[in-house]
């Protein structure tokens, strides 16, 4: 019994030491990194209020404000809670409400899902949101923060 508890404690200590991205790791810069191994910097963000969550699209090109039909060969997509807070990335197949991922669109019809990293909804007002994010998956990375207007959906 003592050996099992010792191994469990050692495993927990190693996990805590090796893992864990925190909001302190998010750089104070426009989101940038690599997509499909190529340098990538956000030039535009479209954040739409979808009721329970925000739908977020980051682009490496200039797009018109609130253009929910904008597209580019590469982009970064995710949904975010509408409440300020820290949201670790994780993929939950049994509880989709517990999932928080970031999708790297690496080319037409090609996606890579990041389930390790962190999303930080720093502030939310009636018309603006500030979000920080840090994620990595395969040869795709993103790190930075942005503030943009919240677009309202029209039904």
Protein backbone atom coordinates (compact mmCIF):
# COMPACT_ATOMS: atom_id res chain seq x y z
CA UNK A 1 0.00 0.00 0.00
CA UNK A 2 2.78 2.47 0.88
CA UNK A 3 4.56 1.69 -2.40
CA UNK A 4 1.40 2.37 -4.44
CA UNK A 5 0.80 5.67 -2.64
CA UNK A 6 4.44 6.65 -3.19
CA UNK A 7 4.21 5.88 -6.92
CA UNK A 8 0.94 7.81 -7.16
CA UNK A 9 2.47 10.81 -5.39
CA UNK A 10 5.55 10.69 -7.64
CA UNK A 11 3.37 10.48 -10.76
CA UNK A 12 1.27 13.43 -9.63
CA UNK A 13 4.40 15.48 -8.91
CA UNK A 14 5.87 14.67 -12.35
CA UNK A 15 2.64 15.62 -14.11
CA UNK A 16 2.49 18.92 -12.28
CA UNK A 17 6.13 19.67 -13.09
CA UNK A 18 5.97 18.65 -16.77
CA UNK A 19 2.59 19.89 -17.82
CA UNK A 20 0.50 22.90 -17.33
CA UNK A 21 0.34 25.94 -19.49
CA UNK A 22 -0.73 29.03 -17.61
CA UNK A 23 -2.03 32.40 -18.71
CA UNK A 24 1.38 33.81 -17.69
CA UNK A 25 2.76 32.00 -20.76
CA UNK A 26 0.55 34.03 -23.13
CA UNK A 27 2.64 36.72 -24.83
CA UNK A 28 1.51 40.36 -24.94
CA UNK A 29 1.45 40.46 -28.75
CA UNK A 30 -0.94 39.91 -31.63
CA UNK A 31 -1.55 36.15 -31.90
CA UNK A 32 1.27 34.63 -33.92
CA UNK A 33 3.14 31.40 -34.44
CA UNK A 34 3.11 28.83 -37.20
CA UNK A 35 0.38 27.18 -39.27
CA UNK A 36 1.39 24.17 -41.34
CA UNK A 37 4.98 24.98 -40.38
CA UNK A 38 4.87 28.48 -41.94
CA UNK A 39 5.07 31.75 -40.01
CA UNK A 40 1.59 33.09 -39.18
CA UNK A 41 0.39 36.38 -37.64
CA UNK A 42 -3.21 37.42 -36.99
CA UNK A 43 -4.28 40.50 -38.96
CA UNK A 44 -8.08 40.26 -38.35
CA UNK A 45 -10.45 38.66 -35.87
CA UNK A 46 -14.17 38.05 -36.21
CA UNK A 47 -16.00 37.25 -32.96
CA UNK A 48 -19.69 36.46 -33.23
CA UNK A 49 -22.11 36.17 -30.31
CA UNK A 50 -23.80 32.80 -30.89
CA UNK A 51 -25.97 32.91 -27.77
CA UNK A 52 -24.17 30.71 -25.23
CA UNK A 53 -20.65 31.17 -26.61
CA UNK A 54 -18.53 33.30 -28.91
CA UNK A 55 -17.56 31.91 -32.29
CA UNK A 56 -14.03 33.13 -33.12
CA UNK A 57 -12.17 33.21 -36.44
CA UNK A 58 -8.62 34.58 -36.68
CA UNK A 59 -7.19 35.46 -40.10
CA UNK A 60 -3.69 36.25 -41.40
CA UNK A 61 -5.27 38.79 -43.81
CA UNK A 62 -7.42 41.88 -43.44
CA UNK A 63 -11.14 41.04 -43.57
CA UNK A 64 -14.11 43.36 -43.17
CA UNK A 65 -15.45 43.72 -39.62
CA UNK A 66 -18.06 41.10 -38.73
CA UNK A 67 -17.62 39.25 -42.06
CA UNK A 68 -18.69 35.78 -40.95
CA UNK A 69 -18.18 34.51 -44.52
CA UNK A 70 -14.52 35.61 -44.79
CA UNK A 71 -12.02 32.93 -45.62
CA UNK A 72 -8.33 32.43 -46.23
CA UNK A 73 -6.15 29.42 -46.93
CA UNK A 74 -5.15 29.34 -43.27
CA UNK A 75 -7.03 30.49 -40.21
CA UNK A 76 -7.59 29.65 -36.57
CA UNK A 77 -11.06 28.78 -35.28
CA UNK A 78 -12.51 28.19 -31.83
CA UNK A 79 -15.48 28.91 -29.64
CA UNK A 80 -15.05 30.70 -26.34
CA UNK A 81 -17.17 31.06 -23.22
CA UNK A 82 -18.79 34.47 -22.81
CA UNK A 83 -17.55 34.69 -19.23
CA UNK A 84 -14.10 35.99 -18.33
CA UNK A 85 -11.83 33.23 -17.08
CA UNK A 86 -9.10 30.71 -17.82
CA UNK A 87 -10.08 27.70 -19.94
CA UNK A 88 -7.50 24.93 -20.37
CA UNK A 89 -7.70 23.19 -23.72
CA UNK A 90 -8.95 19.62 -23.58
CA UNK A 91 -10.92 17.24 -25.74
CA UNK A 92 -13.85 15.61 -23.93
CA UNK A 93 -15.64 13.04 -26.05
CA UNK A 94 -18.13 12.11 -23.34
CA UNK A 95 -18.98 15.70 -22.31
CA UNK A 96 -18.83 18.11 -25.24
CA UNK A 97 -19.62 21.01 -22.92
CA UNK A 98 -16.35 20.22 -21.12
CA UNK A 99 -14.31 20.39 -24.34
CA UNK A 100 -12.25 23.42 -25.28
CA UNK A 101 -10.14 23.10 -28.40
CA UNK A 102 -8.59 25.33 -31.05
CA UNK A 103 -8.66 24.36 -34.73
CA UNK A 104 -5.80 25.25 -37.05
CA UNK A 105 -7.07 25.37 -40.64
CA UNK A 106 -3.84 24.42 -42.42
CA UNK A 107 -5.20 24.50 -45.96
CA UNK A 108 -8.42 24.01 -47.89
CA UNK A 109 -10.27 21.15 -46.17
CA UNK A 110 -7.37 20.44 -43.78
CA UNK A 111 -7.64 20.91 -40.01
CA UNK A 112 -5.48 20.17 -36.99
CA UNK A 113 -7.13 20.20 -33.56
CA UNK A 114 -5.17 21.51 -30.56
CA UNK A 115 -6.28 20.07 -27.24
CA UNK A 116 -3.29 21.25 -25.20
CA UNK A 117 -2.81 24.85 -24.18
CA UNK A 118 -4.99 27.54 -22.68
CA UNK A 119 -7.61 30.06 -23.64
CA UNK A 120 -8.04 33.17 -21.48
CA UNK A 121 -11.15 35.31 -21.90
CA UNK A 122 -9.63 38.38 -20.26
CA UNK A 123 -12.58 40.77 -20.48
CA UNK A 124 -16.06 40.97 -21.96
CA UNK A 125 -18.16 44.10 -22.38
CA UNK A 126 -21.38 44.73 -24.30
CA UNK A 127 -19.47 45.31 -27.55
CA UNK A 128 -15.83 44.17 -27.11
CA UNK A 129 -13.91 41.11 -25.96
CA UNK A 130 -10.23 40.52 -25.13
CA UNK A 131 -8.95 36.97 -25.50
CA UNK A 132 -5.51 35.45 -24.99
CA UNK A 133 -4.58 32.04 -26.35
CA UNK A 134 -1.69 29.62 -26.39
CA UNK A 135 -1.84 26.31 -28.23
CA UNK A 136 0.34 23.82 -30.07
CA UNK A 137 -0.48 20.80 -32.21
CA UNK A 138 1.87 19.09 -34.67
CA UNK A 139 3.74 21.89 -36.48
CA UNK A 140 1.13 24.54 -35.57
CA UNK A 141 1.47 27.07 -32.76
CA UNK A 142 -0.33 30.22 -31.67
CA UNK A 143 0.46 32.61 -28.84
CA UNK A 144 -0.90 36.09 -28.15
CA UNK A 145 -3.91 38.22 -27.27
CA UNK A 146 -6.34 40.43 -29.12
CA UNK A 147 -9.26 42.78 -28.51
CA UNK A 148 -12.06 43.07 -31.06
CA UNK A 149 -15.70 44.01 -31.47
CA UNK A 150 -18.41 41.46 -30.79
CA UNK A 151 -20.63 40.87 -33.82
CA UNK A 152 -24.28 40.09 -33.22
CA UNK A 153 -25.93 37.32 -35.21
CA UNK A 154 -29.14 38.12 -36.98
CA UNK A 155 -31.67 35.31 -37.13
